[in-house]
Amino acid sequence: MMKIALTRQFLQRYNSLSQIDRKLCDAALAALPNAFGHPHRHAGLGVRALRRGLYECRPSQSVRVGFTRHGDTLLLHTVGNHETIRTWLRANS
């Protein structure tokens, strides 16, 4: 089973989310370890590869989580809106 690790940047951005967005994020991230790599399981999570090694999960239409995979660990880098993910992608290109 996959594990989840959090970066400091992710935690800072997570803490700035509204309570509703944090609950949506929590639910999606609880399901992510079992679903990652199994397309039929993660259909509702909106998991997709953005670039080689960079992924996103969409807990809601407005909240997205950017992460990478390192062996059996999913490292969560950022959370926010579409522009947050675009900025993260530019920084990692």
N, C-alpha and C. Protein backbone atom coordinates (compact mmCIF):
# COMPACT_ATOMS: atom_id res chain seq x y z
N MET A 1 0.85 -1.19 0.00
CA MET A 1 0.00 0.00 0.00
C MET A 1 0.89 1.25 0.00
N MET A 2 0.43 2.26 -0.69
CA MET A 2 1.16 3.51 -0.76
C MET A 2 1.01 4.28 0.57
N LYS A 3 2.01 5.11 0.85
CA LYS A 3 1.97 5.99 2.02
C LYS A 3 1.93 7.43 1.52
N ILE A 4 1.53 8.32 2.40
CA ILE A 4 1.50 9.75 2.06
C ILE A 4 2.46 10.49 2.98
N ALA A 5 3.23 11.40 2.39
CA ALA A 5 4.10 12.30 3.14
C ALA A 5 3.77 13.73 2.72
N LEU A 6 3.95 14.66 3.63
CA LEU A 6 3.57 16.05 3.39
C LEU A 6 4.80 16.96 3.46
N THR A 7 4.87 17.91 2.53
CA THR A 7 5.93 18.91 2.60
C THR A 7 5.45 20.08 3.46
N ARG A 8 6.38 20.91 3.88
CA ARG A 8 6.04 22.09 4.67
C ARG A 8 5.14 23.03 3.86
N GLN A 9 5.45 23.17 2.57
CA GLN A 9 4.64 24.03 1.71
C GLN A 9 3.20 23.53 1.64
N PHE A 10 3.03 22.21 1.51
CA PHE A 10 1.68 21.65 1.48
C PHE A 10 0.93 22.00 2.76
N LEU A 11 1.57 21.80 3.90
CA LEU A 11 0.91 22.07 5.18
C LEU A 11 0.52 23.54 5.33
N GLN A 12 1.39 24.44 4.89
CA GLN A 12 1.07 25.86 4.97
C GLN A 12 -0.15 26.19 4.11
N ARG A 13 -0.17 25.67 2.89
CA ARG A 13 -1.30 25.94 2.00
C ARG A 13 -2.58 25.25 2.50
N TYR A 14 -2.44 24.04 3.01
CA TYR A 14 -3.58 23.29 3.54
C TYR A 14 -4.24 24.08 4.67
N ASN A 15 -3.42 24.62 5.56
CA ASN A 15 -3.94 25.36 6.70
C ASN A 15 -4.65 26.65 6.29
N SER A 16 -4.38 27.15 5.11
CA SER A 16 -5.04 28.37 4.65
C SER A 16 -6.36 28.08 3.92
N LEU A 17 -6.67 26.80 3.69
CA LEU A 17 -7.94 26.43 3.04
C LEU A 17 -9.10 26.65 4.00
N SER A 18 -10.28 26.80 3.43
CA SER A 18 -11.49 26.88 4.26
C SER A 18 -11.73 25.51 4.91
N GLN A 19 -12.54 25.50 5.94
CA GLN A 19 -12.83 24.25 6.64
C GLN A 19 -13.48 23.23 5.70
N ILE A 20 -14.37 23.69 4.84
CA ILE A 20 -15.04 22.79 3.88
C ILE A 20 -14.02 22.20 2.91
N ASP A 21 -13.13 23.04 2.39
CA ASP A 21 -12.11 22.54 1.46
C ASP A 21 -11.15 21.57 2.14
N ARG A 22 -10.83 21.81 3.42
CA ARG A 22 -9.96 20.88 4.15
C ARG A 22 -10.64 19.52 4.31
N LYS A 23 -11.95 19.52 4.58
CA LYS A 23 -12.68 18.25 4.71
C LYS A 23 -12.70 17.49 3.39
N LEU A 24 -12.94 18.20 2.28
CA LEU A 24 -12.91 17.56 0.96
C LEU A 24 -11.52 17.00 0.66
N CYS A 25 -10.52 17.77 1.00
CA CYS A 25 -9.14 17.36 0.80
C CYS A 25 -8.82 16.12 1.64
N ASP A 26 -9.22 16.13 2.90
CA ASP A 26 -8.99 14.99 3.79
C ASP A 26 -9.61 13.71 3.24
N ALA A 27 -10.83 13.80 2.76
CA ALA A 27 -11.51 12.62 2.22
C ALA A 27 -10.79 12.09 0.99
N ALA A 28 -10.39 12.98 0.10
CA ALA A 28 -9.68 12.55 -1.12
C ALA A 28 -8.34 11.93 -0.78
N LEU A 29 -7.61 12.54 0.15
CA LEU A 29 -6.28 12.04 0.49
C LEU A 29 -6.34 10.73 1.27
N ALA A 30 -7.42 10.51 1.98
CA ALA A 30 -7.59 9.22 2.67
C ALA A 30 -7.76 8.09 1.67
N ALA A 31 -8.41 8.37 0.54
CA ALA A 31 -8.64 7.36 -0.49
C ALA A 31 -7.48 7.21 -1.46
N LEU A 32 -6.63 8.22 -1.56
CA LEU A 32 -5.57 8.24 -2.56
C LEU A 32 -4.57 7.07 -2.47
N PRO A 33 -4.06 6.70 -1.30
CA PRO A 33 -3.06 5.61 -1.26
C PRO A 33 -3.56 4.29 -1.85
N ASN A 34 -4.79 3.94 -1.60
CA ASN A 34 -5.33 2.68 -2.13
C ASN A 34 -5.71 2.78 -3.60
N ALA A 35 -5.99 3.99 -4.07
CA ALA A 35 -6.47 4.18 -5.44
C ALA A 35 -5.36 4.46 -6.44
N PHE A 36 -4.24 5.02 -6.00
CA PHE A 36 -3.20 5.43 -6.94
C PHE A 36 -2.69 4.23 -7.72
N GLY A 37 -2.64 4.37 -9.02
CA GLY A 37 -2.19 3.29 -9.89
C GLY A 37 -3.29 2.34 -10.34
N HIS A 38 -4.51 2.58 -9.88
CA HIS A 38 -5.67 1.76 -10.25
C HIS A 38 -6.73 2.69 -10.81
N PRO A 39 -6.72 2.93 -12.12
CA PRO A 39 -7.60 3.95 -12.73
C PRO A 39 -9.07 3.83 -12.39
N HIS A 40 -9.59 2.62 -12.27
CA HIS A 40 -11.02 2.49 -11.97
C HIS A 40 -11.32 2.90 -10.54
N ARG A 41 -10.37 2.74 -9.65
CA ARG A 41 -10.58 3.12 -8.25
C ARG A 41 -10.48 4.62 -8.06
N HIS A 42 -9.59 5.29 -8.80
CA HIS A 42 -9.39 6.71 -8.55
C HIS A 42 -10.17 7.63 -9.48
N ALA A 43 -11.15 7.08 -10.20
CA ALA A 43 -11.94 7.90 -11.14
C ALA A 43 -12.57 9.09 -10.44
N GLY A 44 -13.11 8.93 -9.27
CA GLY A 44 -13.75 10.03 -8.56
C GLY A 44 -12.79 11.00 -7.92
N LEU A 45 -11.53 10.62 -7.82
CA LEU A 45 -10.53 11.49 -7.20
C LEU A 45 -9.90 12.45 -8.19
N GLY A 46 -10.10 12.22 -9.46
CA GLY A 46 -9.52 13.10 -10.47
C GLY A 46 -8.01 13.04 -10.50
N VAL A 47 -7.43 11.87 -10.27
CA VAL A 47 -5.97 11.72 -10.32
C VAL A 47 -5.53 11.66 -11.77
N ARG A 48 -4.50 12.45 -12.08
CA ARG A 48 -3.95 12.38 -13.43
C ARG A 48 -2.50 12.83 -13.42
N ALA A 49 -1.76 12.32 -14.38
CA ALA A 49 -0.38 12.73 -14.57
C ALA A 49 -0.37 14.06 -15.31
N LEU A 50 0.37 15.02 -14.79
CA LEU A 50 0.48 16.32 -15.44
C LEU A 50 1.71 16.36 -16.33
N ARG A 51 2.77 15.82 -15.84
CA ARG A 51 4.04 15.65 -16.55
C ARG A 51 4.67 14.40 -15.99
N ARG A 52 5.73 13.97 -16.60
CA ARG A 52 6.41 12.77 -16.10
C ARG A 52 6.80 12.96 -14.63
N GLY A 53 6.20 12.14 -13.78
CA GLY A 53 6.51 12.17 -12.36
C GLY A 53 5.75 13.20 -11.54
N LEU A 54 4.94 14.05 -12.17
CA LEU A 54 4.15 15.06 -11.46
C LEU A 54 2.67 14.76 -11.65
N TYR A 55 1.94 14.72 -10.56
CA TYR A 55 0.54 14.32 -10.59
C TYR A 55 -0.32 15.35 -9.86
N GLU A 56 -1.63 15.27 -10.14
CA GLU A 56 -2.58 16.06 -9.36
C GLU A 56 -3.76 15.19 -8.99
N CYS A 57 -4.38 15.56 -7.91
CA CYS A 57 -5.61 14.95 -7.43
C CYS A 57 -6.58 16.11 -7.23
N ARG A 58 -7.84 15.93 -7.61
CA ARG A 58 -8.81 17.01 -7.50
C ARG A 58 -9.91 16.63 -6.49
N PRO A 59 -9.75 17.06 -5.23
CA PRO A 59 -10.78 16.79 -4.23
C PRO A 59 -12.11 17.47 -4.55
N SER A 60 -12.07 18.60 -5.26
CA SER A 60 -13.29 19.29 -5.68
C SER A 60 -12.95 20.06 -6.96
N GLN A 61 -13.94 20.74 -7.52
CA GLN A 61 -13.69 21.50 -8.74
C GLN A 61 -12.69 22.62 -8.52
N SER A 62 -12.64 23.16 -7.32
CA SER A 62 -11.76 24.29 -7.07
C SER A 62 -10.48 23.95 -6.31
N VAL A 63 -10.38 22.76 -5.75
CA VAL A 63 -9.20 22.38 -4.96
C VAL A 63 -8.43 21.27 -5.66
N ARG A 64 -7.13 21.49 -5.81
CA ARG A 64 -6.26 20.51 -6.44
C ARG A 64 -5.04 20.30 -5.57
N VAL A 65 -4.51 19.08 -5.60
CA VAL A 65 -3.33 18.73 -4.84
C VAL A 65 -2.25 18.28 -5.81
N GLY A 66 -1.07 18.88 -5.72
CA GLY A 66 0.06 18.48 -6.56
C GLY A 66 0.97 17.56 -5.78
N PHE A 67 1.35 16.43 -6.39
CA PHE A 67 2.20 15.46 -5.68
C PHE A 67 3.12 14.72 -6.63
N THR A 68 4.11 14.05 -6.04
CA THR A 68 5.04 13.19 -6.77
C THR A 68 5.05 11.82 -6.10
N ARG A 69 5.54 10.85 -6.85
CA ARG A 69 5.65 9.50 -6.31
C ARG A 69 7.12 9.16 -6.12
N HIS A 70 7.44 8.62 -4.95
CA HIS A 70 8.80 8.20 -4.63
C HIS A 70 8.70 6.79 -4.05
N GLY A 71 8.83 5.79 -4.91
CA GLY A 71 8.66 4.40 -4.47
C GLY A 71 7.24 4.16 -4.03
N ASP A 72 7.08 3.78 -2.76
CA ASP A 72 5.73 3.53 -2.24
C ASP A 72 5.17 4.72 -1.46
N THR A 73 5.76 5.91 -1.69
CA THR A 73 5.32 7.11 -0.98
C THR A 73 4.85 8.18 -1.96
N LEU A 74 3.70 8.75 -1.69
CA LEU A 74 3.18 9.89 -2.46
C LEU A 74 3.50 11.13 -1.64
N LEU A 75 4.35 12.00 -2.20
CA LEU A 75 4.78 13.21 -1.51
C LEU A 75 3.91 14.38 -1.97
N LEU A 76 3.11 14.92 -1.06
CA LEU A 76 2.21 16.02 -1.38
C LEU A 76 2.98 17.33 -1.28
N HIS A 77 3.03 18.08 -2.41
CA HIS A 77 3.83 19.30 -2.46
C HIS A 77 3.01 20.56 -2.26
N THR A 78 1.83 20.61 -2.84
CA THR A 78 1.04 21.85 -2.79
C THR A 78 -0.44 21.53 -2.88
N VAL A 79 -1.24 22.47 -2.46
CA VAL A 79 -2.69 22.36 -2.57
C VAL A 79 -3.24 23.77 -2.81
N GLY A 80 -4.25 23.84 -3.65
CA GLY A 80 -4.84 25.13 -3.97
C GLY A 80 -5.68 25.04 -5.22
N ASN A 81 -5.80 26.16 -5.91
CA ASN A 81 -6.61 26.19 -7.12
C ASN A 81 -5.77 25.84 -8.36
N HIS A 82 -6.37 25.99 -9.51
CA HIS A 82 -5.69 25.65 -10.77
C HIS A 82 -4.41 26.45 -10.94
N GLU A 83 -4.43 27.72 -10.58
CA GLU A 83 -3.25 28.57 -10.74
C GLU A 83 -2.12 28.11 -9.81
N THR A 84 -2.45 27.65 -8.63
CA THR A 84 -1.44 27.12 -7.70
C THR A 84 -0.71 25.95 -8.34
N ILE A 85 -1.46 25.06 -8.97
CA ILE A 85 -0.85 23.90 -9.62
C ILE A 85 -0.01 24.34 -10.82
N ARG A 86 -0.49 25.30 -11.59
CA ARG A 86 0.30 25.81 -12.74
C ARG A 86 1.63 26.39 -12.27
N THR A 87 1.61 27.14 -11.18
CA THR A 87 2.83 27.73 -10.62
C THR A 87 3.79 26.63 -10.18
N TRP A 88 3.26 25.62 -9.53
CA TRP A 88 4.07 24.49 -9.08
C TRP A 88 4.69 23.75 -10.27
N LEU A 89 3.92 23.57 -11.33
CA LEU A 89 4.45 22.93 -12.54
C LEU A 89 5.58 23.74 -13.15
N ARG A 90 5.40 25.06 -13.24
CA ARG A 90 6.45 25.91 -13.80
C ARG A 90 7.72 25.82 -12.97
N ALA A 91 7.58 25.75 -11.66
CA ALA A 91 8.74 25.67 -10.77
C ALA A 91 9.45 24.32 -10.89
N ASN A 92 8.76 23.31 -11.39
CA ASN A 92 9.33 21.95 -11.49
C ASN A 92 9.52 21.50 -12.93
N SER A 93 9.67 22.43 -13.84
CA SER A 93 9.88 22.03 -15.24
C SER A 93 11.34 22.12 -15.63
